Amino acid sequence: MYNNSKKIRNSISFYQFVLPALLAYTLFFLIPLIGGLIFSFTDWNGISKELNFVGLKNYISIFTEDSRFVSSLMTTLKLTISFVIIVNVLALFVAILLDTDLIKSKKRKHFYRGIVFVPHSISLIIVAFIWQFTFTKVYSNLVNELGLTFLDISWFQNGSTALVTVLIAMIWQSIGYYMVVYIAGLQTIDPNLVEAAELDGATGIKKLVYLTLPLIVPSMVVNLFVSITTGFKSFDIVFQMTLGGPNNATNVVALNIYQEAFLTQKLGYGSAKAIILCIVVIILTYFQLKFFKSREVEM
């Protein structure tokens, strides 16, 4: 009887902790997802009380008639791949730099980490304003005052450079978060393993490749997951900086969904696009987790 009552109390305590998070997850994720899935099979405009079931018509139209969506998907893929690679490489480099003994003072380490992390605490819209001002005003003044002609570019009038501006703003805003995750991973490495590796002659690149990277795979999994979803969900910065221009060169999927669902009042059609984006992210995440799970090293 005592064991049964103890199990019941433990179960109650467990659900008391889990229930609030589960309710929030259901309210803000599952219900909207189910609602979006239902609307994706209708022609609802988001305003009218009437909606008609159209089956797979929206999904068929997306891939057979909507070249803008396919183009936005390719743009998003290009932006995401660039973002994932660059932000993780830079964040890992900064994390290693700020976790080594090259900087002796702990106060200086914390200070530098704080500087790198500060942009992550700024709203994405504000970040977009900052970089929009930088590319349009600051760089032009640098060209005039210092003669830095390589900055004399019409950043937002060319598709390639416009995408670069978005990428730079996204990396600047988020690199601090990924740095913190990598630092946490680096600090879990047993110093005895590092010392043993150094005694065996592992230094520099060899130590990084054969010791550090395998031991921080969990941190890499977290950062890759977050950076992939961040790339595919990118909206705020693109909306403020380029609004998808020029000529839809930076029109990412999230912005395309917003335009379809709310500007042209085709919420059912836009919901179908959102479901497709969700499926793409789930598939990529599944293969990413499957790939890295077999490469984790148990400490």
C-alpha atoms as a PDB file:
ATOM      1  CA  MET A   1       0.000   0.000   0.000  1.00  0.00           C
ATOM      2  CA  TYR A   2       2.811   2.364   0.918  1.00  0.00           C
ATOM      3  CA  ASN A   3       4.583   1.825  -2.429  1.00  0.00           C
ATOM      4  CA  ASN A   4       1.350   2.370  -4.360  1.00  0.00           C
ATOM      5  CA  SER A   5       0.555   5.617  -2.531  1.00  0.00           C
ATOM      6  CA  LYS A   6       4.121   6.809  -3.093  1.00  0.00           C
ATOM      7  CA  LYS A   7       3.819   6.095  -6.827  1.00  0.00           C
ATOM      8  CA  ILE A   8       0.512   7.977  -6.945  1.00  0.00           C
ATOM      9  CA  ARG A   9       2.056  10.997  -5.169  1.00  0.00           C
ATOM     10  CA  ASN A  10       5.031  10.944  -7.540  1.00  0.00           C
ATOM     11  CA  SER A  11       2.699  10.759 -10.547  1.00  0.00           C
ATOM     12  CA  ILE A  12       0.632  13.676  -9.249  1.00  0.00           C
ATOM     13  CA  SER A  13       3.776  15.740  -8.667  1.00  0.00           C
ATOM     14  CA  PHE A  14       5.027  14.879 -12.151  1.00  0.00           C
ATOM     15  CA  TYR A  15       1.811  15.962 -13.849  1.00  0.00           C
ATOM     16  CA  GLN A  16       1.666  19.140 -11.754  1.00  0.00           C
ATOM     17  CA  PHE A  17       4.987  20.174 -13.264  1.00  0.00           C
ATOM     18  CA  VAL A  18       4.235  18.948 -16.792  1.00  0.00           C
ATOM     19  CA  LEU A  19       0.612  20.092 -17.110  1.00  0.00           C
ATOM     20  CA  PRO A  20       1.234  23.883 -17.453  1.00  0.00           C
ATOM     21  CA  ALA A  21       3.784  23.335 -20.232  1.00  0.00           C
ATOM     22  CA  LEU A  22       1.519  20.772 -21.894  1.00  0.00           C
ATOM     23  CA  LEU A  23      -1.436  23.168 -21.790  1.00  0.00           C
ATOM     24  CA  ALA A  24       0.663  25.991 -23.247  1.00  0.00           C
ATOM     25  CA  TYR A  25       1.983  23.659 -25.978  1.00  0.00           C
ATOM     26  CA  THR A  26      -1.547  22.524 -26.819  1.00  0.00           C
ATOM     27  CA  LEU A  27      -2.999  26.032 -26.782  1.00  0.00           C
ATOM     28  CA  PHE A  28      -0.302  27.799 -28.775  1.00  0.00           C
ATOM     29  CA  PHE A  29       0.973  25.022 -31.063  1.00  0.00           C
ATOM     30  CA  LEU A  30      -1.259  21.969 -31.455  1.00  0.00           C
ATOM     31  CA  ILE A  31      -4.605  23.777 -31.782  1.00  0.00           C
ATOM     32  CA  PRO A  32      -3.287  26.346 -34.338  1.00  0.00           C
ATOM     33  CA  LEU A  33      -1.568  23.516 -36.244  1.00  0.00           C
ATOM     34  CA  ILE A  34      -4.756  21.439 -36.398  1.00  0.00           C
ATOM     35  CA  GLY A  35      -6.761  24.544 -37.337  1.00  0.00           C
ATOM     36  CA  GLY A  36      -4.300  25.394 -40.098  1.00  0.00           C
ATOM     37  CA  LEU A  37      -4.436  21.838 -41.405  1.00  0.00           C
ATOM     38  CA  ILE A  38      -8.251  21.990 -41.567  1.00  0.00           C
ATOM     39  CA  PHE A  39      -8.258  25.406 -43.261  1.00  0.00           C
ATOM     40  CA  SER A  40      -5.705  24.191 -45.831  1.00  0.00           C
ATOM     41  CA  PHE A  41      -8.427  21.994 -47.358  1.00  0.00           C
ATOM     42  CA  THR A  42     -10.826  24.939 -47.760  1.00  0.00           C
ATOM     43  CA  ASP A  43     -11.111  28.151 -49.770  1.00  0.00           C
ATOM     44  CA  TRP A  44     -11.673  30.353 -46.690  1.00  0.00           C
ATOM     45  CA  ASN A  45     -10.644  33.995 -47.101  1.00  0.00           C
ATOM     46  CA  GLY A  46     -10.167  34.589 -43.381  1.00  0.00           C
ATOM     47  CA  ILE A  47     -13.144  36.960 -43.065  1.00  0.00           C
ATOM     48  CA  SER A  48     -16.288  35.315 -44.426  1.00  0.00           C
ATOM     49  CA  LYS A  49     -18.315  32.911 -42.302  1.00  0.00           C
ATOM     50  CA  GLU A  50     -18.621  30.625 -45.305  1.00  0.00           C
ATOM     51  CA  LEU A  51     -15.863  28.213 -46.287  1.00  0.00           C
ATOM     52  CA  ASN A  52     -15.981  25.440 -48.845  1.00  0.00           C
ATOM     53  CA  PHE A  53     -14.101  22.157 -48.727  1.00  0.00           C
ATOM     54  CA  VAL A  54     -11.822  21.947 -51.781  1.00  0.00           C
ATOM     55  CA  GLY A  55      -9.802  18.850 -50.900  1.00  0.00           C
ATOM     56  CA  LEU A  56      -6.240  18.839 -52.257  1.00  0.00           C
ATOM     57  CA  LYS A  57      -6.873  21.671 -54.715  1.00  0.00           C
ATOM     58  CA  ASN A  58      -4.745  24.156 -52.737  1.00  0.00           C
ATOM     59  CA  TYR A  59      -1.786  21.753 -52.540  1.00  0.00           C
ATOM     60  CA  ILE A  60      -2.011  20.878 -56.240  1.00  0.00           C
ATOM     61  CA  SER A  61      -2.165  24.569 -57.207  1.00  0.00           C
ATOM     62  CA  ILE A  62       0.897  25.370 -55.098  1.00  0.00           C
ATOM     63  CA  PHE A  63       3.148  22.968 -57.020  1.00  0.00           C
ATOM     64  CA  THR A  64       1.602  23.320 -60.489  1.00  0.00           C
ATOM     65  CA  GLU A  65       0.606  26.970 -60.759  1.00  0.00           C
ATOM     66  CA  ASP A  66       2.373  28.948 -58.028  1.00  0.00           C
ATOM     67  CA  SER A  67       5.900  29.607 -59.273  1.00  0.00           C
ATOM     68  CA  ARG A  68       6.370  32.314 -56.621  1.00  0.00           C
ATOM     69  CA  PHE A  69       6.064  29.777 -53.807  1.00  0.00           C
ATOM     70  CA  VAL A  70       8.615  27.425 -55.362  1.00  0.00           C
ATOM     71  CA  SER A  71      10.922  30.418 -55.888  1.00  0.00           C
ATOM     72  CA  SER A  72      10.441  31.538 -52.273  1.00  0.00           C
ATOM     73  CA  LEU A  73      11.163  27.989 -51.096  1.00  0.00           C
ATOM     74  CA  MET A  74      14.454  27.992 -53.044  1.00  0.00           C
ATOM     75  CA  THR A  75      15.335  31.427 -51.616  1.00  0.00           C
ATOM     76  CA  THR A  76      14.570  30.198 -48.103  1.00  0.00           C
ATOM     77  CA  LEU A  77      16.675  27.093 -48.656  1.00  0.00           C
ATOM     78  CA  LYS A  78      19.585  29.200 -49.908  1.00  0.00           C
ATOM     79  CA  LEU A  79      19.287  31.590 -46.951  1.00  0.00           C
ATOM     80  CA  THR A  80      18.952  28.754 -44.437  1.00  0.00           C
ATOM     81  CA  ILE A  81      21.967  26.784 -45.697  1.00  0.00           C
ATOM     82  CA  SER A  82      24.144  29.912 -45.678  1.00  0.00           C
ATOM     83  CA  PHE A  83      22.893  30.944 -42.236  1.00  0.00           C
ATOM     84  CA  VAL A  84      23.334  27.486 -40.655  1.00  0.00           C
ATOM     85  CA  ILE A  85      26.906  27.067 -41.902  1.00  0.00           C
ATOM     86  CA  ILE A  86      28.181  30.587 -41.230  1.00  0.00           C
ATOM     87  CA  VAL A  87      26.529  31.199 -37.851  1.00  0.00           C
ATOM     88  CA  ASN A  88      27.611  27.821 -36.443  1.00  0.00           C
ATOM     89  CA  VAL A  89      31.205  28.136 -37.653  1.00  0.00           C
ATOM     90  CA  LEU A  90      31.520  31.695 -36.309  1.00  0.00           C
ATOM     91  CA  ALA A  91      29.762  30.861 -33.022  1.00  0.00           C
ATOM     92  CA  LEU A  92      32.012  27.837 -32.461  1.00  0.00           C
ATOM     93  CA  PHE A  93      35.113  29.908 -33.246  1.00  0.00           C
ATOM     94  CA  VAL A  94      34.057  32.661 -30.820  1.00  0.00           C
ATOM     95  CA  ALA A  95      33.115  30.103 -28.161  1.00  0.00           C
ATOM     96  CA  ILE A  96      36.510  28.393 -28.363  1.00  0.00           C
ATOM     97  CA  LEU A  97      38.263  31.776 -28.328  1.00  0.00           C
ATOM     98  CA  LEU A  98      36.362  32.950 -25.243  1.00  0.00           C
ATOM     99  CA  ASP A  99      36.721  29.635 -23.422  1.00  0.00           C
ATOM    100  CA  THR A 100      40.469  29.154 -23.816  1.00  0.00           C
ATOM    101  CA  ASP A 101      43.221  30.358 -21.517  1.00  0.00           C
ATOM    102  CA  LEU A 102      44.255  33.035 -24.022  1.00  0.00           C
ATOM    103  CA  ILE A 103      42.091  35.415 -22.006  1.00  0.00           C
ATOM    104  CA  LYS A 104      43.302  34.992 -18.424  1.00  0.00           C
ATOM    105  CA  SER A 105      40.806  37.203 -16.620  1.00  0.00           C
ATOM    106  CA  LYS A 106      37.363  35.684 -15.976  1.00  0.00           C
ATOM    107  CA  LYS A 107      35.860  39.174 -15.832  1.00  0.00           C
ATOM    108  CA  ARG A 108      37.137  39.916 -19.328  1.00  0.00           C
ATOM    109  CA  LYS A 109      35.759  36.609 -20.596  1.00  0.00           C
ATOM    110  CA  HIS A 110      32.323  37.410 -19.162  1.00  0.00           C
ATOM    111  CA  PHE A 111      32.527  40.949 -20.552  1.00  0.00           C
ATOM    112  CA  TYR A 112      33.343  39.775 -24.087  1.00  0.00           C
ATOM    113  CA  ARG A 113      30.680  37.076 -23.935  1.00  0.00           C
ATOM    114  CA  GLY A 114      28.171  39.699 -22.842  1.00  0.00           C
ATOM    115  CA  ILE A 115      29.073  41.950 -25.776  1.00  0.00           C
ATOM    116  CA  VAL A 116      28.586  39.106 -28.253  1.00  0.00           C
ATOM    117  CA  PHE A 117      25.294  38.063 -26.630  1.00  0.00           C
ATOM    118  CA  VAL A 118      23.705  41.539 -26.383  1.00  0.00           C
ATOM    119  CA  PRO A 119      22.342  41.623 -29.995  1.00  0.00           C
ATOM    120  CA  HIS A 120      20.328  38.468 -29.269  1.00  0.00           C
ATOM    121  CA  SER A 121      18.315  40.384 -26.679  1.00  0.00           C
ATOM    122  CA  ILE A 122      17.266  43.007 -29.241  1.00  0.00           C
ATOM    123  CA  SER A 123      13.953  42.718 -31.095  1.00  0.00           C
ATOM    124  CA  LEU A 124      14.285  41.421 -34.653  1.00  0.00           C
ATOM    125  CA  ILE A 125      12.446  44.480 -35.989  1.00  0.00           C
ATOM    126  CA  ILE A 126      14.928  46.773 -34.207  1.00  0.00           C
ATOM    127  CA  VAL A 127      17.808  44.708 -35.603  1.00  0.00           C
ATOM    128  CA  ALA A 128      16.351  45.162 -39.077  1.00  0.00           C
ATOM    129  CA  PHE A 129      16.094  48.945 -38.510  1.00  0.00           C
ATOM    130  CA  ILE A 130      19.724  49.077 -37.338  1.00  0.00           C
ATOM    131  CA  TRP A 131      21.094  47.229 -40.357  1.00  0.00           C
ATOM    132  CA  GLN A 132      18.802  48.997 -42.813  1.00  0.00           C
ATOM    133  CA  PHE A 133      20.161  52.313 -41.516  1.00  0.00           C
ATOM    134  CA  THR A 134      23.725  50.947 -41.626  1.00  0.00           C
ATOM    135  CA  PHE A 135      23.532  49.831 -45.254  1.00  0.00           C
ATOM    136  CA  THR A 136      21.702  52.936 -46.508  1.00  0.00           C
ATOM    137  CA  LYS A 137      23.269  55.734 -44.438  1.00  0.00           C
ATOM    138  CA  VAL A 138      26.401  54.646 -42.569  1.00  0.00           C
ATOM    139  CA  TYR A 139      28.117  52.918 -45.490  1.00  0.00           C
ATOM    140  CA  SER A 140      27.418  55.829 -47.856  1.00  0.00           C
ATOM    141  CA  ASN A 141      29.015  58.219 -45.330  1.00  0.00           C
ATOM    142  CA  LEU A 142      32.031  55.921 -45.007  1.00  0.00           C
ATOM    143  CA  VAL A 143      32.417  56.014 -48.784  1.00  0.00           C
ATOM    144  CA  ASN A 144      32.240  59.820 -48.822  1.00  0.00           C
ATOM    145  CA  GLU A 145      34.454  60.446 -45.792  1.00  0.00           C
ATOM    146  CA  LEU A 146      37.016  57.632 -45.998  1.00  0.00           C
ATOM    147  CA  GLY A 147      36.870  56.687 -49.662  1.00  0.00           C
ATOM    148  CA  LEU A 148      35.957  53.048 -48.979  1.00  0.00           C
ATOM    149  CA  THR A 149      34.714  52.466 -52.512  1.00  0.00           C
ATOM    150  CA  PHE A 150      34.094  48.732 -51.998  1.00  0.00           C
ATOM    151  CA  LEU A 151      31.134  49.736 -49.806  1.00  0.00           C
ATOM    152  CA  ASP A 152      29.663  51.884 -52.569  1.00  0.00           C
ATOM    153  CA  ILE A 153      27.017  49.330 -53.531  1.00  0.00           C
ATOM    154  CA  SER A 154      23.262  49.606 -53.989  1.00  0.00           C
ATOM    155  CA  TRP A 155      22.685  46.974 -51.346  1.00  0.00           C
ATOM    156  CA  PHE A 156      18.897  46.767 -51.642  1.00  0.00           C
ATOM    157  CA  GLN A 157      18.590  47.166 -55.416  1.00  0.00           C
ATOM    158  CA  ASN A 158      20.381  43.934 -56.313  1.00  0.00           C
ATOM    159  CA  GLY A 159      18.909  40.542 -55.447  1.00  0.00           C
ATOM    160  CA  SER A 160      22.195  38.919 -54.372  1.00  0.00           C
ATOM    161  CA  THR A 161      23.368  41.803 -52.174  1.00  0.00           C
ATOM    162  CA  ALA A 162      19.886  42.227 -50.662  1.00  0.00           C
ATOM    163  CA  LEU A 163      19.972  38.601 -49.548  1.00  0.00           C
ATOM    164  CA  VAL A 164      23.454  39.187 -48.107  1.00  0.00           C
ATOM    165  CA  THR A 165      22.164  42.113 -46.012  1.00  0.00           C
ATOM    166  CA  VAL A 166      19.443  39.898 -44.549  1.00  0.00           C
ATOM    167  CA  LEU A 167      21.978  37.152 -43.827  1.00  0.00           C
ATOM    168  CA  ILE A 168      24.368  39.566 -42.077  1.00  0.00           C
ATOM    169  CA  ALA A 169      21.576  40.951 -39.884  1.00  0.00           C
ATOM    170  CA  MET A 170      20.393  37.447 -38.923  1.00  0.00           C
ATOM    171  CA  ILE A 171      23.919  36.280 -38.040  1.00  0.00           C
ATOM    172  CA  TRP A 172      24.711  39.415 -36.011  1.00  0.00           C
ATOM    173  CA  GLN A 173      21.498  39.069 -34.018  1.00  0.00           C
ATOM    174  CA  SER A 174      21.745  35.356 -33.229  1.00  0.00           C
ATOM    175  CA  ILE A 175      25.441  34.471 -32.968  1.00  0.00           C
ATOM    176  CA  GLY A 176      25.475  35.166 -29.218  1.00  0.00           C
ATOM    177  CA  TYR A 177      22.887  32.476 -28.500  1.00  0.00           C
ATOM    178  CA  TYR A 178      24.788  29.793 -30.422  1.00  0.00           C
ATOM    179  CA  MET A 179      28.034  30.887 -28.764  1.00  0.00           C
ATOM    180  CA  VAL A 180      26.513  30.309 -25.289  1.00  0.00           C
ATOM    181  CA  VAL A 181      25.362  26.797 -26.267  1.00  0.00           C
ATOM    182  CA  TYR A 182      28.827  25.914 -27.592  1.00  0.00           C
ATOM    183  CA  ILE A 183      30.521  27.316 -24.490  1.00  0.00           C
ATOM    184  CA  ALA A 184      28.231  25.160 -22.342  1.00  0.00           C
ATOM    185  CA  GLY A 185      29.282  22.141 -24.405  1.00  0.00           C
ATOM    186  CA  LEU A 186      32.982  22.994 -24.170  1.00  0.00           C
ATOM    187  CA  GLN A 187      32.782  23.310 -20.387  1.00  0.00           C
ATOM    188  CA  THR A 188      31.403  19.770 -20.067  1.00  0.00           C
ATOM    189  CA  ILE A 189      34.584  18.284 -21.554  1.00  0.00           C
ATOM    190  CA  ASP A 190      36.621  16.493 -18.903  1.00  0.00           C
ATOM    191  CA  PRO A 191      39.995  18.303 -18.450  1.00  0.00           C
ATOM    192  CA  ASN A 192      41.647  14.915 -17.916  1.00  0.00           C
ATOM    193  CA  LEU A 193      40.691  13.919 -21.476  1.00  0.00           C
ATOM    194  CA  VAL A 194      42.199  17.132 -22.818  1.00  0.00           C
ATOM    195  CA  GLU A 195      45.387  16.587 -20.824  1.00  0.00           C
ATOM    196  CA  ALA A 196      45.654  12.976 -22.016  1.00  0.00           C
ATOM    197  CA  ALA A 197      45.161  14.048 -25.619  1.00  0.00           C
ATOM    198  CA  GLU A 198      47.867  16.711 -25.287  1.00  0.00           C
ATOM    199  CA  LEU A 199      50.258  14.153 -23.791  1.00  0.00           C
ATOM    200  CA  ASP A 200      49.595  11.953 -26.830  1.00  0.00           C
ATOM    201  CA  GLY A 201      50.636  14.839 -29.074  1.00  0.00           C
ATOM    202  CA  ALA A 202      47.207  16.146 -30.085  1.00  0.00           C
ATOM    203  CA  THR A 203      47.380  19.900 -30.557  1.00  0.00           C
ATOM    204  CA  GLY A 204      45.601  22.561 -32.580  1.00  0.00           C
ATOM    205  CA  ILE A 205      43.455  21.200 -35.397  1.00  0.00           C
ATOM    206  CA  LYS A 206      43.925  17.555 -34.395  1.00  0.00           C
ATOM    207  CA  LYS A 207      42.633  18.219 -30.885  1.00  0.00           C
ATOM    208  CA  LEU A 208      39.688  20.150 -32.302  1.00  0.00           C
ATOM    209  CA  VAL A 209      38.740  17.472 -34.858  1.00  0.00           C
ATOM    210  CA  TYR A 210      39.352  14.308 -32.834  1.00  0.00           C
ATOM    211  CA  LEU A 211      38.511  15.471 -29.311  1.00  0.00           C
ATOM    212  CA  THR A 212      36.549  18.710 -29.056  1.00  0.00           C
ATOM    213  CA  LEU A 213      34.051  18.288 -31.902  1.00  0.00           C
ATOM    214  CA  PRO A 214      33.019  14.679 -31.063  1.00  0.00           C
ATOM    215  CA  LEU A 215      32.454  15.657 -27.412  1.00  0.00           C
ATOM    216  CA  ILE A 216      30.270  18.668 -28.179  1.00  0.00           C
ATOM    217  CA  VAL A 217      27.966  16.882 -30.646  1.00  0.00           C
ATOM    218  CA  PRO A 218      24.941  17.421 -28.321  1.00  0.00           C
ATOM    219  CA  SER A 219      25.568  21.183 -28.461  1.00  0.00           C
ATOM    220  CA  MET A 220      25.959  20.976 -32.228  1.00  0.00           C
ATOM    221  CA  VAL A 221      22.637  19.127 -32.505  1.00  0.00           C
ATOM    222  CA  VAL A 222      20.863  21.849 -30.506  1.00  0.00           C
ATOM    223  CA  ASN A 223      22.415  24.666 -32.526  1.00  0.00           C
ATOM    224  CA  LEU A 224      21.772  23.013 -35.876  1.00  0.00           C
ATOM    225  CA  PHE A 225      18.157  22.346 -34.953  1.00  0.00           C
ATOM    226  CA  VAL A 226      17.603  25.942 -33.808  1.00  0.00           C
ATOM    227  CA  SER A 227      19.469  27.497 -36.752  1.00  0.00           C
ATOM    228  CA  ILE A 228      17.594  25.401 -39.334  1.00  0.00           C
ATOM    229  CA  THR A 229      14.214  26.342 -37.875  1.00  0.00           C
ATOM    230  CA  THR A 230      15.333  29.979 -37.575  1.00  0.00           C
ATOM    231  CA  GLY A 231      16.313  30.038 -41.243  1.00  0.00           C
ATOM    232  CA  PHE A 232      13.047  28.542 -42.434  1.00  0.00           C
ATOM    233  CA  LYS A 233      10.951  30.773 -40.156  1.00  0.00           C
ATOM    234  CA  SER A 234      12.797  33.992 -41.072  1.00  0.00           C
ATOM    235  CA  PHE A 235      10.234  36.743 -41.487  1.00  0.00           C
ATOM    236  CA  ASP A 236      10.742  39.833 -39.299  1.00  0.00           C
ATOM    237  CA  ILE A 237      14.105  40.945 -40.667  1.00  0.00           C
ATOM    238  CA  VAL A 238      13.145  40.250 -44.287  1.00  0.00           C
ATOM    239  CA  PHE A 239       9.806  42.048 -43.848  1.00  0.00           C
ATOM    240  CA  GLN A 240      11.437  45.189 -42.463  1.00  0.00           C
ATOM    241  CA  MET A 241      14.613  45.323 -44.564  1.00  0.00           C
ATOM    242  CA  THR A 242      13.530  44.281 -48.056  1.00  0.00           C
ATOM    243  CA  LEU A 243       9.829  43.299 -47.986  1.00  0.00           C
ATOM    244  CA  GLY A 244      10.809  40.439 -50.282  1.00  0.00           C
ATOM    245  CA  GLY A 245      12.397  42.663 -52.918  1.00  0.00           C
ATOM    246  CA  PRO A 246      13.909  43.458 -55.249  1.00  0.00           C
ATOM    247  CA  ASN A 247      11.801  41.447 -57.719  1.00  0.00           C
ATOM    248  CA  ASN A 248      11.042  38.819 -55.036  1.00  0.00           C
ATOM    249  CA  ALA A 249      14.750  38.019 -54.696  1.00  0.00           C
ATOM    250  CA  THR A 250      14.437  37.881 -50.884  1.00  0.00           C
ATOM    251  CA  ASN A 251      10.829  36.717 -50.720  1.00  0.00           C
ATOM    252  CA  VAL A 252      11.158  33.867 -48.207  1.00  0.00           C
ATOM    253  CA  VAL A 253       8.448  31.283 -47.553  1.00  0.00           C
ATOM    254  CA  ALA A 254       7.143  32.867 -44.330  1.00  0.00           C
ATOM    255  CA  LEU A 255       6.714  36.217 -46.076  1.00  0.00           C
ATOM    256  CA  ASN A 256       5.050  34.542 -49.060  1.00  0.00           C
ATOM    257  CA  ILE A 257       2.603  32.803 -46.693  1.00  0.00           C
ATOM    258  CA  TYR A 258       1.836  36.126 -44.978  1.00  0.00           C
ATOM    259  CA  GLN A 259       1.199  37.843 -48.316  1.00  0.00           C
ATOM    260  CA  GLU A 260      -1.048  35.025 -49.512  1.00  0.00           C
ATOM    261  CA  ALA A 261      -3.053  34.593 -46.312  1.00  0.00           C
ATOM    262  CA  PHE A 262      -3.526  38.214 -45.215  1.00  0.00           C
ATOM    263  CA  LEU A 263      -2.836  40.565 -48.131  1.00  0.00           C
ATOM    264  CA  THR A 264      -4.685  38.643 -50.839  1.00  0.00           C
ATOM    265  CA  GLN A 265      -7.130  37.155 -48.285  1.00  0.00           C
ATOM    266  CA  LYS A 266      -6.582  33.527 -49.260  1.00  0.00           C
ATOM    267  CA  LEU A 267      -6.174  32.099 -45.780  1.00  0.00           C
ATOM    268  CA  GLY A 268      -6.983  28.543 -46.845  1.00  0.00           C
ATOM    269  CA  TYR A 269      -4.362  28.683 -49.602  1.00  0.00           C
ATOM    270  CA  GLY A 270      -1.836  30.301 -47.260  1.00  0.00           C
ATOM    271  CA  SER A 271      -2.515  27.611 -44.629  1.00  0.00           C
ATOM    272  CA  ALA A 272      -1.655  24.924 -47.186  1.00  0.00           C
ATOM    273  CA  LYS A 273       1.693  26.636 -47.768  1.00  0.00           C
ATOM    274  CA  ALA A 274       2.298  26.805 -44.010  1.00  0.00           C
ATOM    275  CA  ILE A 275       1.606  23.074 -43.662  1.00  0.00           C
ATOM    276  CA  ILE A 276       4.085  22.325 -46.455  1.00  0.00           C
ATOM    277  CA  LEU A 277       6.719  24.449 -44.691  1.00  0.00           C
ATOM    278  CA  CYS A 278       6.016  22.609 -41.424  1.00  0.00           C
ATOM    279  CA  ILE A 279       6.450  19.224 -43.147  1.00  0.00           C
ATOM    280  CA  VAL A 280       9.750  20.314 -44.731  1.00  0.00           C
ATOM    281  CA  VAL A 281      11.131  21.442 -41.352  1.00  0.00           C
ATOM    282  CA  ILE A 282       9.996  18.191 -39.653  1.00  0.00           C
ATOM    283  CA  ILE A 283      11.673  16.048 -42.342  1.00  0.00           C
ATOM    284  CA  LEU A 284      14.935  17.994 -42.165  1.00  0.00           C
ATOM    285  CA  THR A 285      14.935  17.859 -38.364  1.00  0.00           C
ATOM    286  CA  TYR A 286      14.309  14.105 -38.363  1.00  0.00           C
ATOM    287  CA  PHE A 287      17.250  13.354 -40.654  1.00  0.00           C
ATOM    288  CA  GLN A 288      19.472  15.779 -38.756  1.00  0.00           C
ATOM    289  CA  LEU A 289      18.734  14.111 -35.410  1.00  0.00           C
ATOM    290  CA  LYS A 290      19.149  10.657 -36.928  1.00  0.00           C
ATOM    291  CA  PHE A 291      22.512  11.651 -38.438  1.00  0.00           C
ATOM    292  CA  PHE A 292      23.981  13.127 -35.253  1.00  0.00           C
ATOM    293  CA  LYS A 293      22.532  10.619 -32.787  1.00  0.00           C
ATOM    294  CA  SER A 294      24.867   7.879 -34.038  1.00  0.00           C
ATOM    295  CA  ARG A 295      27.839  10.236 -33.672  1.00  0.00           C
ATOM    296  CA  GLU A 296      27.337  11.286 -30.066  1.00  0.00           C
ATOM    297  CA  VAL A 297      30.130  10.300 -27.710  1.00  0.00           C
ATOM    298  CA  GLU A 298      29.191   9.135 -24.221  1.00  0.00           C
ATOM    299  CA  MET A 299      31.250  10.797 -21.527  1.00  0.00           C
END
